[in-house]
């Protein structure tokens, strides 16, 4: 999935599988867009943040064209913009920033919540690409799961891409868990869609080892819910994720 094909200057093409709900998975498109951006960045720069808007539903029957714009090449920071397109038009717009590692203070305030280890949680993955162990009984507006990619990953940037892939899984569940009418209802009763997505990468982490993704929904308004989450690898806080989710009852 991350083996993007070059199609001219700073343009790459990728594909994705059909997922159980039909179409493409937003985390896949974000991961591929990050990979495309990284292919235009010199070695030594590490991604530290990305901000993406989901514009249209992706079609698994078509390839995806990733167009990268080099907004800035600085000594410490590099900025890229990426538009993912299919025949219907743009399906995602993303900006990403990369930084050279600096010797500076490293302080961690966030700590992982006390939850059952993955070995004690039943598996409930929705794709053979990942192993998921979803935690239950967390309370209103909360979701959490142990996640990891099944196959080993090589390059450092691919671990960041894989974290981006995984990070789109649990935010919607936190929004559903806060909605007074959606909690406990069947999935076919509600329409949900990711609207925008942001990741701050704090520390490198392997995505083929267990990561704990823990989210809380901060509120609901105008059919939109905001979920903010932390990603932990062992005791290390490796990323912060924020996503706004559209949640509506389906029209019969």
Protein backbone atom coordinates (compact mmCIF):
# COMPACT_ATOMS: atom_id res chain seq x y z
CA UNK A 1 0.00 0.00 0.00
CA UNK A 2 2.88 2.39 0.71
CA UNK A 3 4.72 1.49 -2.51
CA UNK A 4 3.56 4.58 -4.38
CA UNK A 5 4.42 4.87 -8.08
CA UNK A 6 5.99 8.10 -9.34
CA UNK A 7 3.97 9.87 -12.06
CA UNK A 8 5.94 12.98 -12.93
CA UNK A 9 7.44 15.63 -10.67
CA UNK A 10 6.24 15.32 -7.04
CA UNK A 11 3.23 13.25 -8.12
CA UNK A 12 2.57 9.69 -6.97
CA UNK A 13 -0.14 7.09 -7.51
CA UNK A 14 -1.40 4.51 -5.03
CA UNK A 15 -4.23 2.05 -4.60
CA UNK A 16 -6.21 0.64 -1.72
CA UNK A 17 -8.44 -2.36 -1.01
CA UNK A 18 -12.19 -2.39 -0.52
CA UNK A 19 -13.06 -2.28 3.15
CA UNK A 20 -16.05 -3.99 4.83
CA UNK A 21 -18.16 -0.82 4.72
CA UNK A 22 -17.34 -0.20 1.04
CA UNK A 23 -15.00 2.38 -0.47
CA UNK A 24 -11.67 3.39 1.05
CA UNK A 25 -10.58 3.92 4.65
CA UNK A 26 -9.64 7.48 5.58
CA UNK A 27 -6.59 6.38 7.57
CA UNK A 28 -5.23 4.68 4.46
CA UNK A 29 -5.46 7.88 2.40
CA UNK A 30 -3.82 9.95 5.16
CA UNK A 31 -1.01 7.38 5.46
CA UNK A 32 -0.41 7.36 1.71
CA UNK A 33 -0.49 11.18 1.55
CA UNK A 34 2.13 11.30 4.31
CA UNK A 35 4.25 8.78 2.41
CA UNK A 36 3.98 10.91 -0.75
CA UNK A 37 5.03 14.04 1.16
CA UNK A 38 7.97 12.22 2.75
CA UNK A 39 9.23 11.11 -0.67
CA UNK A 40 9.95 14.79 -1.44
CA UNK A 41 11.79 15.48 1.85
CA UNK A 42 15.52 15.00 2.43
CA UNK A 43 16.80 12.44 4.93
CA UNK A 44 17.23 13.85 8.43
CA UNK A 45 13.79 15.43 8.67
CA UNK A 46 11.16 13.66 10.78
CA UNK A 47 7.41 14.31 10.47
CA UNK A 48 6.10 16.12 13.55
CA UNK A 49 2.55 17.03 12.51
CA UNK A 50 -0.08 16.69 9.82
CA UNK A 51 -3.51 18.20 9.30
CA UNK A 52 -5.94 16.67 6.81
CA UNK A 53 -9.45 17.34 5.52
CA UNK A 54 -11.54 14.51 4.10
CA UNK A 55 -13.37 15.99 1.10
CA UNK A 56 -15.06 13.11 -0.72
CA UNK A 57 -15.53 9.39 -0.19
CA UNK A 58 -12.76 7.39 -1.85
CA UNK A 59 -13.45 4.71 -4.46
CA UNK A 60 -11.51 1.46 -4.12
CA UNK A 61 -12.02 0.74 -7.83
CA UNK A 62 -9.80 3.67 -8.84
CA UNK A 63 -6.16 4.56 -8.22
CA UNK A 64 -5.45 7.64 -6.09
CA UNK A 65 -3.24 10.46 -7.39
CA UNK A 66 -1.20 12.30 -4.74
CA UNK A 67 0.03 15.74 -5.82
CA UNK A 68 2.70 17.22 -3.54
CA UNK A 69 3.54 20.93 -3.31
CA UNK A 70 6.83 21.98 -1.71
CA UNK A 71 5.69 24.93 0.37
CA UNK A 72 8.91 25.48 2.30
CA UNK A 73 12.43 24.06 2.60
CA UNK A 74 14.06 25.49 5.71
CA UNK A 75 17.12 24.56 7.74
CA UNK A 76 15.02 23.16 10.61
CA UNK A 77 11.54 22.72 9.14
CA UNK A 78 10.12 21.51 5.84
CA UNK A 79 6.46 21.96 4.88
CA UNK A 80 4.48 20.06 2.26
CA UNK A 81 0.91 20.20 0.95
CA UNK A 82 -0.70 17.12 -0.59
CA UNK A 83 -3.94 16.79 -2.55
CA UNK A 84 -5.29 13.27 -3.17
CA UNK A 85 -7.47 13.05 -6.28
CA UNK A 86 -9.70 10.59 -8.08
CA UNK A 87 -12.02 11.05 -11.08
CA UNK A 88 -14.64 12.80 -8.91
CA UNK A 89 -12.09 15.41 -7.82
CA UNK A 90 -10.09 15.94 -4.64
CA UNK A 91 -10.82 13.42 -1.89
CA UNK A 92 -8.28 14.68 0.68
CA UNK A 93 -6.25 17.82 1.33
CA UNK A 94 -3.34 17.56 3.77
CA UNK A 95 -0.46 19.64 5.06
CA UNK A 96 2.52 18.07 6.80
CA UNK A 97 5.53 19.51 8.60
CA UNK A 98 8.90 17.85 9.10
CA UNK A 99 11.70 18.87 11.48
CA UNK A 100 15.34 18.03 12.04
CA UNK A 101 15.80 16.39 15.46
CA UNK A 102 17.22 18.86 18.00
CA UNK A 103 18.99 18.38 21.31
CA UNK A 104 16.46 19.90 23.73
CA UNK A 105 14.43 19.23 26.86
CA UNK A 106 12.24 16.10 26.64
CA UNK A 107 9.45 16.08 29.23
CA UNK A 108 6.40 13.80 29.14
CA UNK A 109 3.29 14.75 31.11
CA UNK A 110 0.77 12.26 29.71
CA UNK A 111 0.74 8.74 31.12
CA UNK A 112 -1.10 5.71 29.73
CA UNK A 113 -4.38 4.83 31.47
CA UNK A 114 -4.62 1.66 33.54
CA UNK A 115 -6.26 -0.85 31.18
CA UNK A 116 -6.13 -4.58 30.52
CA UNK A 117 -3.07 -5.71 28.50
CA UNK A 118 -3.71 -6.79 24.89
CA UNK A 119 -3.23 -10.47 25.73
CA UNK A 120 -6.36 -10.28 27.92
CA UNK A 121 -8.58 -8.50 25.36
CA UNK A 122 -10.44 -10.37 22.57
CA UNK A 123 -9.38 -9.62 18.98
CA UNK A 124 -11.93 -7.86 16.78
CA UNK A 125 -10.00 -6.66 13.73
CA UNK A 126 -11.90 -5.49 10.64
CA UNK A 127 -9.00 -6.04 8.21
CA UNK A 128 -6.22 -8.66 8.03
CA UNK A 129 -3.67 -5.81 7.93
CA UNK A 130 -3.97 -5.00 11.62
CA UNK A 131 -4.48 -6.63 14.98
CA UNK A 132 -7.05 -4.82 17.14
CA UNK A 133 -8.06 -5.46 20.75
CA UNK A 134 -10.89 -3.02 21.60
CA UNK A 135 -11.43 -2.16 25.25
CA UNK A 136 -14.98 -1.95 26.60
CA UNK A 137 -16.74 -0.50 29.65
CA UNK A 138 -14.80 2.79 29.53
CA UNK A 139 -17.76 5.11 30.11
CA UNK A 140 -19.50 7.88 28.21
CA UNK A 141 -17.55 9.53 25.40
CA UNK A 142 -14.51 7.24 25.62
CA UNK A 143 -12.96 4.64 23.36
CA UNK A 144 -9.67 2.78 23.42
CA UNK A 145 -7.96 -0.13 21.72
CA UNK A 146 -4.65 -1.88 21.42
CA UNK A 147 -3.56 -1.67 17.76
CA UNK A 148 -0.63 -2.88 15.70
CA UNK A 149 0.19 -3.76 12.08
CA UNK A 150 0.43 -7.48 11.45
CA UNK A 151 3.42 -7.45 9.09
CA UNK A 152 6.88 -6.14 10.13
CA UNK A 153 7.73 -2.60 8.99
CA UNK A 154 11.14 -1.34 7.95
CA UNK A 155 11.76 2.41 7.47
CA UNK A 156 11.08 4.93 10.26
CA UNK A 157 8.74 6.98 8.06
CA UNK A 158 6.66 3.87 7.38
CA UNK A 159 6.05 3.51 11.13
CA UNK A 160 4.73 7.09 11.14
CA UNK A 161 2.56 6.28 8.11
CA UNK A 162 1.28 3.17 9.88
CA UNK A 163 0.45 5.18 13.01
CA UNK A 164 -1.52 7.54 10.77
CA UNK A 165 -3.31 4.52 9.31
CA UNK A 166 -4.23 3.22 12.76
CA UNK A 167 -5.20 6.62 14.16
CA UNK A 168 -8.44 6.88 12.16
CA UNK A 169 -9.96 3.79 13.78
CA UNK A 170 -11.08 4.82 17.28
CA UNK A 171 -12.20 8.53 17.15
CA UNK A 172 -15.66 7.71 15.76
CA UNK A 173 -16.30 5.22 18.56
CA UNK A 174 -15.63 7.95 21.14
CA UNK A 175 -18.17 10.25 19.45
CA UNK A 176 -20.75 7.47 19.28
CA UNK A 177 -20.10 6.69 22.96
CA UNK A 178 -21.08 10.26 23.92
CA UNK A 179 -24.19 10.58 21.75
CA UNK A 180 -27.27 9.78 23.91
CA UNK A 181 -29.17 8.20 21.00
CA UNK A 182 -26.31 6.44 19.19
CA UNK A 183 -24.86 4.62 22.22
CA UNK A 184 -25.72 0.95 22.02
CA UNK A 185 -27.49 1.24 18.63
CA UNK A 186 -26.59 -0.75 15.55
CA UNK A 187 -24.06 0.64 13.08
CA UNK A 188 -26.58 0.64 10.21
CA UNK A 189 -28.78 3.09 12.16
CA UNK A 190 -26.21 5.89 11.95
CA UNK A 191 -24.13 7.53 9.25
CA UNK A 192 -20.63 8.50 10.35
CA UNK A 193 -17.78 10.11 8.43
CA UNK A 194 -14.42 11.61 9.34
CA UNK A 195 -14.35 15.33 8.52
CA UNK A 196 -10.82 16.36 9.45
CA UNK A 197 -7.86 14.77 11.15
CA UNK A 198 -4.72 16.03 12.89
CA UNK A 199 -1.73 14.17 14.30
CA UNK A 200 1.19 15.46 16.33
CA UNK A 201 4.06 12.95 16.32
CA UNK A 202 5.97 13.32 19.59
CA UNK A 203 8.34 10.36 19.64
CA UNK A 204 9.23 7.56 17.20
CA UNK A 205 7.37 4.30 17.81
CA UNK A 206 7.07 0.97 16.08
CA UNK A 207 3.65 0.34 14.56
CA UNK A 208 4.24 -3.40 14.30
CA UNK A 209 4.32 -3.49 18.12
CA UNK A 210 1.33 -2.81 20.36
CA UNK A 211 0.16 0.80 20.61
CA UNK A 212 -2.62 1.97 22.93
CA UNK A 213 -4.99 4.45 21.24
CA UNK A 214 -7.20 6.19 23.82
CA UNK A 215 -9.83 8.81 22.83
CA UNK A 216 -12.34 11.10 24.54
CA UNK A 217 -15.13 12.98 22.79
CA UNK A 218 -15.14 16.62 23.90
CA UNK A 219 -18.65 17.47 22.73
CA UNK A 220 -21.35 17.28 20.07
CA UNK A 221 -22.81 20.12 17.99
CA UNK A 222 -24.53 20.34 14.60
CA UNK A 223 -24.05 16.60 13.97
CA UNK A 224 -20.30 16.97 14.63
CA UNK A 225 -18.30 15.47 17.47
CA UNK A 226 -14.69 16.22 18.39
CA UNK A 227 -12.53 13.35 19.63
CA UNK A 228 -9.04 13.93 21.03
CA UNK A 229 -6.76 11.03 21.79
CA UNK A 230 -3.35 9.95 22.98
CA UNK A 231 -1.22 7.18 21.51
CA UNK A 232 1.14 5.28 23.82
CA UNK A 233 3.86 2.73 23.10
CA UNK A 234 4.68 1.11 26.40
CA UNK A 235 5.03 4.02 28.84
CA UNK A 236 5.98 6.47 26.09
CA UNK A 237 3.49 9.07 24.82
CA UNK A 238 4.18 8.92 21.08
CA UNK A 239 1.39 10.95 19.46
CA UNK A 240 -1.68 13.12 19.99
CA UNK A 241 -4.61 12.84 17.58
CA UNK A 242 -7.68 15.04 17.06
CA UNK A 243 -10.55 14.28 14.72
CA UNK A 244 -13.94 15.84 14.02
CA UNK A 245 -16.58 13.25 13.12
CA UNK A 246 -19.92 13.68 11.38
CA UNK A 247 -22.63 11.55 13.03
CA UNK A 248 -26.22 11.53 11.71
CA UNK A 249 -29.15 9.11 11.92
CA UNK A 250 -29.62 7.36 8.58
CA UNK A 251 -32.59 8.42 6.48
CA UNK A 252 -34.87 5.52 5.67
